[in-house]
């Protein structure tokens, strides 16, 4: 793992390393998506939680209107 980290620092892939946007997660990940717009370390982990929270927030807002 250390060797891979050293190789990554010296490569153009370094600019594709991002930190997960979940404030409670500190994982780094390599954004290998085509558009380079990935936001979460994983959809199974933080992405799913963020999407559920957004859905619930929108649902609550629609009920109060």
N, C-alpha and C. Protein backbone atom coordinates (compact mmCIF):
# COMPACT_ATOMS: atom_id res chain seq x y z
N UNK A 1 0.83 -1.17 0.00
CA UNK A 1 0.00 0.00 0.00
C UNK A 1 0.88 1.26 0.00
N UNK A 2 1.95 1.23 0.75
CA UNK A 2 2.85 2.39 0.79
C UNK A 2 3.47 2.63 -0.58
N UNK A 3 3.85 1.55 -1.25
CA UNK A 3 4.44 1.68 -2.60
C UNK A 3 3.44 2.31 -3.55
N UNK A 4 2.19 1.87 -3.48
CA UNK A 4 1.16 2.44 -4.35
C UNK A 4 0.96 3.93 -4.07
N UNK A 5 1.03 4.31 -2.81
CA UNK A 5 0.90 5.72 -2.45
C UNK A 5 2.03 6.56 -3.03
N UNK A 6 3.24 6.05 -2.95
CA UNK A 6 4.40 6.76 -3.51
C UNK A 6 4.27 6.87 -5.02
N UNK A 7 3.85 5.80 -5.68
CA UNK A 7 3.67 5.84 -7.13
C UNK A 7 2.56 6.83 -7.51
N UNK A 8 1.52 6.90 -6.72
CA UNK A 8 0.41 7.81 -6.99
C UNK A 8 0.85 9.27 -6.88
N UNK A 9 1.67 9.58 -5.88
CA UNK A 9 2.14 10.96 -5.68
C UNK A 9 2.93 11.44 -6.89
N UNK A 10 3.64 10.56 -7.53
CA UNK A 10 4.46 10.94 -8.68
C UNK A 10 3.76 10.80 -10.01
N UNK A 11 2.46 10.60 -10.00
CA UNK A 11 1.74 10.39 -11.26
C UNK A 11 0.67 11.45 -11.49
N UNK A 12 0.18 11.56 -12.71
CA UNK A 12 -0.88 12.53 -13.00
C UNK A 12 -2.22 12.15 -12.35
N UNK A 13 -2.33 10.95 -11.82
CA UNK A 13 -3.57 10.54 -11.16
C UNK A 13 -3.79 11.25 -9.83
N UNK A 14 -2.77 11.88 -9.30
CA UNK A 14 -2.88 12.52 -7.99
C UNK A 14 -4.00 13.56 -7.97
N UNK A 15 -4.21 14.27 -9.07
CA UNK A 15 -5.27 15.29 -9.08
C UNK A 15 -6.67 14.66 -9.06
N UNK A 16 -6.76 13.35 -9.24
CA UNK A 16 -8.06 12.67 -9.18
C UNK A 16 -8.35 12.08 -7.81
N UNK A 17 -7.46 12.28 -6.85
CA UNK A 17 -7.70 11.83 -5.48
C UNK A 17 -8.58 12.87 -4.80
N UNK A 18 -9.69 12.41 -4.22
CA UNK A 18 -10.64 13.31 -3.57
C UNK A 18 -10.98 12.80 -2.18
N UNK A 19 -11.52 13.69 -1.37
CA UNK A 19 -12.00 13.31 -0.05
C UNK A 19 -13.52 13.20 -0.12
N UNK A 20 -14.06 12.22 0.54
CA UNK A 20 -15.50 12.00 0.56
C UNK A 20 -16.20 13.25 1.08
N UNK A 21 -17.34 13.62 0.48
CA UNK A 21 -18.09 14.82 0.88
C UNK A 21 -18.94 14.62 2.13
N UNK A 22 -19.05 13.40 2.61
CA UNK A 22 -19.78 13.16 3.85
C UNK A 22 -18.96 13.75 4.99
N UNK A 23 -19.52 14.72 5.75
CA UNK A 23 -18.74 15.36 6.81
C UNK A 23 -18.28 14.39 7.91
N UNK A 24 -18.93 13.24 8.03
CA UNK A 24 -18.55 12.28 9.05
C UNK A 24 -17.58 11.22 8.53
N UNK A 25 -17.16 11.34 7.28
CA UNK A 25 -16.25 10.38 6.66
C UNK A 25 -14.97 11.10 6.24
N UNK A 26 -13.85 10.49 6.47
CA UNK A 26 -12.57 11.12 6.11
C UNK A 26 -11.80 10.31 5.08
N UNK A 27 -12.49 9.39 4.39
CA UNK A 27 -11.81 8.53 3.43
C UNK A 27 -11.42 9.30 2.17
N UNK A 28 -10.30 8.93 1.60
CA UNK A 28 -9.86 9.44 0.31
C UNK A 28 -10.14 8.36 -0.72
N UNK A 29 -10.43 8.79 -1.95
CA UNK A 29 -10.69 7.82 -3.01
C UNK A 29 -10.17 8.38 -4.33
N UNK A 30 -9.94 7.49 -5.26
CA UNK A 30 -9.52 7.87 -6.60
C UNK A 30 -10.76 7.97 -7.47
N UNK A 31 -11.05 9.16 -7.96
CA UNK A 31 -12.23 9.39 -8.79
C UNK A 31 -11.94 8.87 -10.20
N UNK A 32 -12.43 7.68 -10.48
CA UNK A 32 -12.21 7.08 -11.80
C UNK A 32 -13.45 7.18 -12.67
N UNK A 33 -14.40 8.03 -12.28
CA UNK A 33 -15.60 8.21 -13.09
C UNK A 33 -15.26 8.98 -14.36
N UNK A 34 -16.06 8.79 -15.37
CA UNK A 34 -15.78 9.40 -16.66
C UNK A 34 -15.82 10.93 -16.59
N UNK A 35 -16.80 11.48 -15.89
CA UNK A 35 -16.96 12.93 -15.81
C UNK A 35 -16.12 13.56 -14.69
N UNK A 36 -15.49 12.73 -13.85
CA UNK A 36 -14.67 13.20 -12.72
C UNK A 36 -15.49 14.03 -11.74
N UNK A 37 -16.74 13.61 -11.50
CA UNK A 37 -17.61 14.36 -10.60
C UNK A 37 -18.08 13.52 -9.41
N UNK A 38 -17.41 12.44 -9.14
CA UNK A 38 -17.80 11.58 -8.02
C UNK A 38 -17.64 12.35 -6.72
N UNK A 39 -18.58 12.16 -5.79
CA UNK A 39 -18.59 12.94 -4.55
C UNK A 39 -18.34 12.11 -3.30
N UNK A 40 -18.65 10.82 -3.36
CA UNK A 40 -18.58 10.00 -2.15
C UNK A 40 -17.59 8.86 -2.33
N UNK A 41 -17.09 8.37 -1.21
CA UNK A 41 -16.14 7.26 -1.25
C UNK A 41 -16.79 6.03 -1.86
N UNK A 42 -18.09 5.86 -1.63
CA UNK A 42 -18.79 4.69 -2.14
C UNK A 42 -20.29 4.95 -2.11
N UNK A 43 -21.00 4.45 -3.10
CA UNK A 43 -22.46 4.57 -3.08
C UNK A 43 -23.05 3.64 -2.02
N UNK A 44 -22.40 2.53 -1.74
CA UNK A 44 -22.90 1.61 -0.71
C UNK A 44 -22.79 2.22 0.68
N UNK A 45 -21.90 3.14 0.84
CA UNK A 45 -21.63 3.71 2.16
C UNK A 45 -22.20 5.12 2.23
N UNK A 46 -21.46 6.11 1.90
CA UNK A 46 -21.84 7.51 2.10
C UNK A 46 -22.81 8.04 1.04
N UNK A 47 -22.68 7.62 -0.19
CA UNK A 47 -23.56 8.11 -1.24
C UNK A 47 -25.00 7.74 -0.98
N UNK A 48 -25.25 6.53 -0.57
CA UNK A 48 -26.61 6.09 -0.28
C UNK A 48 -27.19 6.87 0.89
N UNK A 49 -26.42 7.09 1.93
CA UNK A 49 -26.89 7.86 3.08
C UNK A 49 -27.24 9.29 2.69
N UNK A 50 -26.43 9.91 1.85
CA UNK A 50 -26.69 11.28 1.41
C UNK A 50 -27.95 11.35 0.55
N UNK A 51 -28.13 10.39 -0.32
CA UNK A 51 -29.32 10.39 -1.18
C UNK A 51 -30.59 10.15 -0.35
N UNK A 52 -30.52 9.27 0.64
CA UNK A 52 -31.68 9.04 1.51
C UNK A 52 -32.02 10.31 2.28
N UNK A 53 -31.01 10.98 2.83
CA UNK A 53 -31.24 12.21 3.58
C UNK A 53 -31.86 13.28 2.69
N UNK A 54 -31.38 13.41 1.46
CA UNK A 54 -31.95 14.38 0.53
C UNK A 54 -33.40 14.07 0.19
N UNK A 55 -33.69 12.82 -0.04
CA UNK A 55 -35.06 12.39 -0.35
C UNK A 55 -36.00 12.70 0.81
N UNK A 56 -35.57 12.35 2.02
CA UNK A 56 -36.42 12.60 3.20
C UNK A 56 -36.64 14.09 3.41
N UNK A 57 -35.60 14.89 3.18
CA UNK A 57 -35.72 16.34 3.33
C UNK A 57 -36.72 16.91 2.32
N UNK A 58 -36.63 16.45 1.07
CA UNK A 58 -37.57 16.92 0.05
C UNK A 58 -38.99 16.46 0.34
N UNK A 59 -39.13 15.25 0.85
CA UNK A 59 -40.46 14.71 1.18
C UNK A 59 -41.09 15.51 2.31
N UNK A 60 -40.32 15.84 3.33
CA UNK A 60 -40.83 16.65 4.45
C UNK A 60 -41.22 18.04 3.97
N UNK A 61 -40.43 18.63 3.08
CA UNK A 61 -40.72 19.98 2.57
C UNK A 61 -42.00 19.97 1.75
N UNK A 62 -42.23 18.90 0.99
CA UNK A 62 -43.43 18.80 0.17
C UNK A 62 -44.69 18.65 1.03
N UNK A 63 -44.57 17.98 2.15
CA UNK A 63 -45.72 17.77 3.04
C UNK A 63 -46.10 19.08 3.73
N UNK A 64 -45.15 19.91 4.08
CA UNK A 64 -45.42 21.16 4.80
C UNK A 64 -45.92 22.27 3.88
N UNK A 65 -45.80 22.10 2.61
CA UNK A 65 -46.26 23.15 1.68
C UNK A 65 -47.73 23.09 1.44
